Amino acid sequence: MFVLGMIKGTIIGMGIGVMSGLALKEVCKMKKKKDQISKTESDIIDPENS
């Protein structure tokens, strides 16, 4: 029973780790996309002001 509990805990822990890793990856992807958009907007705005 103890070994079964360890296996179950390991599977749950790995599942949580994978889910949090995917969530973190999506957050980084969204942040990178937002930074690219703001950089593009600033590139477009700067030539008009100069």
Protein backbone atom coordinates (compact mmCIF):
# COMPACT_ATOMS: atom_id res chain seq x y z
CA MET A 1 0.00 0.00 0.00
CA PHE A 2 2.85 2.38 0.79
CA VAL A 3 4.43 1.82 -2.62
CA LEU A 4 1.08 2.37 -4.31
CA GLY A 5 0.74 5.67 -2.43
CA MET A 6 4.22 6.73 -3.50
CA ILE A 7 3.45 5.93 -7.13
CA LYS A 8 0.14 7.77 -6.93
CA GLY A 9 1.80 10.78 -5.32
CA THR A 10 4.54 10.80 -7.93
CA ILE A 11 2.00 10.72 -10.76
CA ILE A 12 -0.02 13.55 -9.19
CA GLY A 13 3.15 15.57 -8.57
CA MET A 14 4.34 15.10 -12.12
CA GLY A 15 0.91 16.08 -13.41
CA ILE A 16 0.96 19.29 -11.38
CA GLY A 17 4.51 20.02 -12.58
CA VAL A 18 3.58 19.52 -16.23
CA MET A 19 0.46 21.69 -15.91
CA SER A 20 2.34 24.51 -14.19
CA GLY A 21 5.11 24.26 -16.79
CA LEU A 22 2.61 24.60 -19.63
CA ALA A 23 0.91 27.53 -17.90
CA LEU A 24 4.26 29.27 -17.41
CA LYS A 25 5.14 28.65 -21.05
CA GLU A 26 1.86 30.25 -22.18
CA VAL A 27 2.43 33.28 -19.92
CA CYS A 28 5.91 33.77 -21.37
CA LYS A 29 4.56 33.37 -24.89
CA MET A 30 1.84 35.98 -24.25
CA LYS A 31 4.35 38.39 -22.68
CA LYS A 32 6.74 37.99 -25.62
CA LYS A 33 3.91 38.62 -28.08
CA LYS A 34 2.83 41.73 -26.12
CA ASP A 35 6.41 43.05 -26.11
CA GLN A 36 6.67 42.53 -29.88
CA ILE A 37 3.39 44.38 -30.44
CA SER A 38 4.43 47.32 -28.27
CA LYS A 39 7.84 47.42 -30.00
CA THR A 40 6.15 47.44 -33.39
CA GLU A 41 3.79 50.22 -32.28
CA SER A 42 6.69 52.31 -30.98
CA ASP A 43 8.57 51.76 -34.27
CA ILE A 44 5.53 52.98 -36.17
CA ILE A 45 4.95 55.99 -33.88
CA ASP A 46 8.60 57.15 -33.75
CA PRO A 47 9.08 57.89 -37.50
CA GLU A 48 5.90 59.97 -37.55
CA ASN A 49 7.08 62.19 -34.66
CA SER A 50 10.54 62.81 -36.10
